[in-house]
Amino acid sequence: FWQYCTALPFLRHFSLSITNLHRHIGDRELCPAISEFLRERTQLRTYYLPVPPIDASLRWIGFDGSAWGVLPTLSKLSSLSIIYPRDL
């Protein structure tokens, strides 16, 4: 996501389902990169990011309260599915 931050400027729907994580195959930059990727997508209407609600798993992919920080920039967002992290 970092590499293609300016790709798909008119993206309207984004969904990424993370169903299984292994502690040795984590990417702590995944969720911050997704948030930065979506920040300029002013036409985004749906945002789905279901992740396992296990604290260790959330750390492995960098999911924390900052994942919610992108929401104020998404003015046309009408559908959201994302967990509520403890640090929010």
N, C-alpha and C. Protein backbone atom coordinates (compact mmCIF):
# COMPACT_ATOMS: atom_id res chain seq x y z
N PHE A 1 0.82 -1.20 0.00
CA PHE A 1 0.00 0.00 0.00
C PHE A 1 0.86 1.26 0.00
N TRP A 2 2.00 1.22 0.71
CA TRP A 2 2.87 2.41 0.72
C TRP A 2 3.33 2.74 -0.69
N GLN A 3 3.69 1.73 -1.44
CA GLN A 3 4.26 1.93 -2.77
C GLN A 3 3.24 2.53 -3.74
N TYR A 4 1.98 2.26 -3.53
CA TYR A 4 0.94 2.72 -4.46
C TYR A 4 -0.03 3.68 -3.80
N CYS A 5 0.46 4.56 -2.97
CA CYS A 5 -0.39 5.50 -2.23
C CYS A 5 -1.25 6.39 -3.13
N THR A 6 -0.82 6.66 -4.33
CA THR A 6 -1.58 7.54 -5.21
C THR A 6 -2.41 6.77 -6.24
N ALA A 7 -2.36 5.46 -6.20
CA ALA A 7 -3.14 4.65 -7.15
C ALA A 7 -4.62 4.69 -6.81
N LEU A 8 -5.45 4.48 -7.79
CA LEU A 8 -6.90 4.39 -7.62
C LEU A 8 -7.50 5.61 -6.92
N PRO A 9 -7.29 6.80 -7.44
CA PRO A 9 -7.77 8.01 -6.76
C PRO A 9 -9.29 8.10 -6.64
N PHE A 10 -10.03 7.39 -7.47
CA PHE A 10 -11.49 7.46 -7.42
C PHE A 10 -12.11 6.20 -6.82
N LEU A 11 -11.35 5.51 -6.01
CA LEU A 11 -11.81 4.29 -5.35
C LEU A 11 -13.07 4.59 -4.52
N ARG A 12 -14.09 3.77 -4.68
CA ARG A 12 -15.35 3.97 -3.95
C ARG A 12 -15.61 2.91 -2.90
N HIS A 13 -15.03 1.74 -3.05
CA HIS A 13 -15.27 0.64 -2.12
C HIS A 13 -13.95 -0.03 -1.80
N PHE A 14 -13.69 -0.25 -0.52
CA PHE A 14 -12.47 -0.93 -0.11
C PHE A 14 -12.82 -1.97 0.94
N SER A 15 -12.33 -3.19 0.71
CA SER A 15 -12.55 -4.27 1.66
C SER A 15 -11.33 -5.16 1.68
N LEU A 16 -10.84 -5.44 2.86
CA LEU A 16 -9.73 -6.37 3.03
C LEU A 16 -10.04 -7.19 4.27
N SER A 17 -10.22 -8.47 4.10
CA SER A 17 -10.57 -9.35 5.21
C SER A 17 -9.34 -10.13 5.64
N ILE A 18 -8.96 -9.96 6.88
CA ILE A 18 -7.82 -10.67 7.45
C ILE A 18 -8.40 -11.72 8.39
N THR A 19 -8.27 -12.97 8.03
CA THR A 19 -8.93 -14.02 8.80
C THR A 19 -8.00 -14.84 9.67
N ASN A 20 -6.75 -14.93 9.32
CA ASN A 20 -5.83 -15.77 10.07
C ASN A 20 -4.45 -15.14 10.04
N LEU A 21 -3.82 -15.08 11.19
CA LEU A 21 -2.49 -14.49 11.29
C LEU A 21 -1.56 -15.45 12.03
N HIS A 22 -0.32 -15.43 11.64
CA HIS A 22 0.69 -16.21 12.33
C HIS A 22 1.70 -15.23 12.91
N ARG A 23 2.13 -15.46 14.12
CA ARG A 23 3.00 -14.49 14.79
C ARG A 23 4.33 -14.27 14.09
N HIS A 24 4.76 -15.22 13.28
CA HIS A 24 6.03 -15.06 12.57
C HIS A 24 5.86 -14.41 11.21
N ILE A 25 4.63 -14.20 10.79
CA ILE A 25 4.38 -13.61 9.48
C ILE A 25 3.50 -12.38 9.66
N GLY A 26 3.95 -11.45 10.44
CA GLY A 26 3.19 -10.23 10.66
C GLY A 26 3.81 -9.07 9.89
N ASP A 27 3.03 -8.06 9.68
CA ASP A 27 3.50 -6.84 9.03
C ASP A 27 2.94 -5.67 9.83
N ARG A 28 3.74 -5.13 10.72
CA ARG A 28 3.29 -4.06 11.60
C ARG A 28 2.97 -2.77 10.86
N GLU A 29 3.29 -2.71 9.60
CA GLU A 29 3.01 -1.52 8.79
C GLU A 29 1.74 -1.68 7.94
N LEU A 30 1.09 -2.83 8.00
CA LEU A 30 -0.06 -3.07 7.13
C LEU A 30 -1.20 -2.08 7.38
N CYS A 31 -1.70 -2.00 8.58
CA CYS A 31 -2.83 -1.10 8.84
C CYS A 31 -2.47 0.38 8.70
N PRO A 32 -1.30 0.82 9.17
CA PRO A 32 -0.93 2.22 8.90
C PRO A 32 -0.83 2.52 7.40
N ALA A 33 -0.34 1.57 6.62
CA ALA A 33 -0.24 1.78 5.17
C ALA A 33 -1.62 1.85 4.53
N ILE A 34 -2.55 1.02 4.99
CA ILE A 34 -3.91 1.06 4.47
C ILE A 34 -4.55 2.41 4.78
N SER A 35 -4.38 2.88 6.01
CA SER A 35 -4.95 4.18 6.40
C SER A 35 -4.41 5.30 5.53
N GLU A 36 -3.12 5.29 5.31
CA GLU A 36 -2.51 6.33 4.48
C GLU A 36 -2.98 6.22 3.03
N PHE A 37 -3.11 5.00 2.54
CA PHE A 37 -3.60 4.77 1.18
C PHE A 37 -5.01 5.34 1.01
N LEU A 38 -5.87 5.16 2.00
CA LEU A 38 -7.26 5.59 1.89
C LEU A 38 -7.47 7.08 2.19
N ARG A 39 -6.51 7.71 2.80
CA ARG A 39 -6.66 9.10 3.25
C ARG A 39 -7.11 10.07 2.15
N GLU A 40 -6.63 9.93 0.96
CA GLU A 40 -6.97 10.84 -0.14
C GLU A 40 -8.14 10.35 -0.99
N ARG A 41 -8.77 9.27 -0.60
CA ARG A 41 -9.89 8.72 -1.37
C ARG A 41 -11.20 9.36 -0.92
N THR A 42 -11.43 10.59 -1.35
CA THR A 42 -12.60 11.36 -0.90
C THR A 42 -13.91 10.79 -1.43
N GLN A 43 -13.86 9.94 -2.43
CA GLN A 43 -15.06 9.33 -2.99
C GLN A 43 -15.41 7.99 -2.33
N LEU A 44 -14.61 7.57 -1.38
CA LEU A 44 -14.83 6.26 -0.75
C LEU A 44 -16.17 6.22 -0.02
N ARG A 45 -16.95 5.20 -0.32
CA ARG A 45 -18.28 5.05 0.29
C ARG A 45 -18.34 3.88 1.26
N THR A 46 -17.60 2.81 0.98
CA THR A 46 -17.60 1.67 1.89
C THR A 46 -16.17 1.31 2.28
N TYR A 47 -16.00 0.99 3.54
CA TYR A 47 -14.70 0.63 4.08
C TYR A 47 -14.90 -0.54 5.04
N TYR A 48 -14.42 -1.70 4.64
CA TYR A 48 -14.52 -2.90 5.47
C TYR A 48 -13.12 -3.41 5.76
N LEU A 49 -12.81 -3.53 7.04
CA LEU A 49 -11.52 -4.06 7.44
C LEU A 49 -11.72 -4.98 8.64
N PRO A 50 -12.35 -6.15 8.42
CA PRO A 50 -12.52 -7.09 9.52
C PRO A 50 -11.19 -7.78 9.84
N VAL A 51 -10.81 -7.74 11.09
CA VAL A 51 -9.58 -8.39 11.54
C VAL A 51 -9.91 -9.20 12.79
N PRO A 52 -9.11 -10.22 13.10
CA PRO A 52 -9.36 -11.00 14.31
C PRO A 52 -9.21 -10.11 15.55
N PRO A 53 -10.18 -10.11 16.46
CA PRO A 53 -10.12 -9.22 17.63
C PRO A 53 -9.23 -9.76 18.74
N ILE A 54 -8.06 -10.23 18.40
CA ILE A 54 -7.11 -10.75 19.37
C ILE A 54 -5.97 -9.75 19.47
N ASP A 55 -5.69 -9.28 20.69
CA ASP A 55 -4.70 -8.21 20.87
C ASP A 55 -3.36 -8.50 20.20
N ALA A 56 -2.86 -9.71 20.34
CA ALA A 56 -1.57 -10.04 19.73
C ALA A 56 -1.65 -9.94 18.21
N SER A 57 -2.74 -10.41 17.64
CA SER A 57 -2.91 -10.34 16.19
C SER A 57 -2.97 -8.91 15.71
N LEU A 58 -3.64 -8.07 16.47
CA LEU A 58 -3.75 -6.66 16.10
C LEU A 58 -2.38 -5.99 16.08
N ARG A 59 -1.54 -6.33 17.05
CA ARG A 59 -0.18 -5.77 17.07
C ARG A 59 0.63 -6.24 15.88
N TRP A 60 0.44 -7.48 15.46
CA TRP A 60 1.21 -8.04 14.34
C TRP A 60 0.94 -7.33 13.03
N ILE A 61 -0.22 -6.71 12.90
CA ILE A 61 -0.54 -6.00 11.65
C ILE A 61 -0.59 -4.48 11.86
N GLY A 62 -0.21 -4.02 13.04
CA GLY A 62 -0.16 -2.58 13.29
C GLY A 62 -1.52 -1.93 13.47
N PHE A 63 -2.52 -2.71 13.87
CA PHE A 63 -3.87 -2.15 14.04
C PHE A 63 -4.00 -1.56 15.43
N ASP A 64 -4.31 -0.27 15.47
CA ASP A 64 -4.57 0.41 16.73
C ASP A 64 -5.51 1.58 16.46
N GLY A 65 -5.64 2.49 17.40
CA GLY A 65 -6.56 3.62 17.25
C GLY A 65 -6.28 4.49 16.04
N SER A 66 -5.05 4.48 15.57
CA SER A 66 -4.72 5.31 14.41
C SER A 66 -5.43 4.83 13.15
N ALA A 67 -5.88 3.58 13.13
CA ALA A 67 -6.63 3.08 11.97
C ALA A 67 -7.94 3.85 11.81
N TRP A 68 -8.46 4.36 12.92
CA TRP A 68 -9.69 5.16 12.87
C TRP A 68 -9.40 6.60 12.49
N GLY A 69 -8.15 7.01 12.53
CA GLY A 69 -7.77 8.39 12.23
C GLY A 69 -8.08 8.84 10.82
N VAL A 70 -8.21 7.91 9.91
CA VAL A 70 -8.50 8.24 8.51
C VAL A 70 -9.98 8.59 8.32
N LEU A 71 -10.84 8.19 9.21
CA LEU A 71 -12.28 8.35 9.00
C LEU A 71 -12.74 9.79 8.77
N PRO A 72 -12.23 10.80 9.48
CA PRO A 72 -12.68 12.17 9.21
C PRO A 72 -12.41 12.66 7.79
N THR A 73 -11.45 12.07 7.10
CA THR A 73 -11.14 12.50 5.74
C THR A 73 -12.05 11.85 4.71
N LEU A 74 -12.82 10.86 5.12
CA LEU A 74 -13.69 10.12 4.20
C LEU A 74 -15.11 10.67 4.31
N SER A 75 -15.33 11.82 3.74
CA SER A 75 -16.59 12.55 3.93
C SER A 75 -17.80 11.87 3.28
N LYS A 76 -17.60 11.01 2.31
CA LYS A 76 -18.73 10.35 1.64
C LYS A 76 -18.95 8.92 2.13
N LEU A 77 -18.25 8.55 3.18
CA LEU A 77 -18.36 7.20 3.71
C LEU A 77 -19.76 6.94 4.23
N SER A 78 -20.39 5.88 3.77
CA SER A 78 -21.74 5.55 4.23
C SER A 78 -21.83 4.16 4.85
N SER A 79 -20.80 3.35 4.69
CA SER A 79 -20.81 2.01 5.26
C SER A 79 -19.42 1.69 5.81
N LEU A 80 -19.39 1.26 7.07
CA LEU A 80 -18.12 1.02 7.74
C LEU A 80 -18.21 -0.27 8.56
N SER A 81 -17.18 -1.08 8.46
CA SER A 81 -17.06 -2.27 9.30
C SER A 81 -15.60 -2.40 9.71
N ILE A 82 -15.34 -2.06 10.96
CA ILE A 82 -13.99 -2.08 11.50
C ILE A 82 -14.11 -2.25 13.01
N ILE A 83 -13.20 -3.00 13.62
CA ILE A 83 -13.32 -3.21 15.05
C ILE A 83 -12.88 -1.98 15.83
N TYR A 84 -13.30 -1.92 17.06
CA TYR A 84 -12.98 -0.81 17.96
C TYR A 84 -11.78 -1.23 18.80
N PRO A 85 -10.60 -0.64 18.57
CA PRO A 85 -9.41 -1.05 19.31
C PRO A 85 -9.43 -0.51 20.74
N ARG A 86 -8.72 -1.16 21.62
CA ARG A 86 -8.69 -0.77 23.03
C ARG A 86 -8.10 0.61 23.26
N ASP A 87 -7.16 1.02 22.44
CA ASP A 87 -6.47 2.29 22.68
C ASP A 87 -7.19 3.49 22.08
N LEU A 88 -8.40 3.32 21.63
CA LEU A 88 -9.13 4.44 21.03
C LEU A 88 -9.93 5.17 22.09
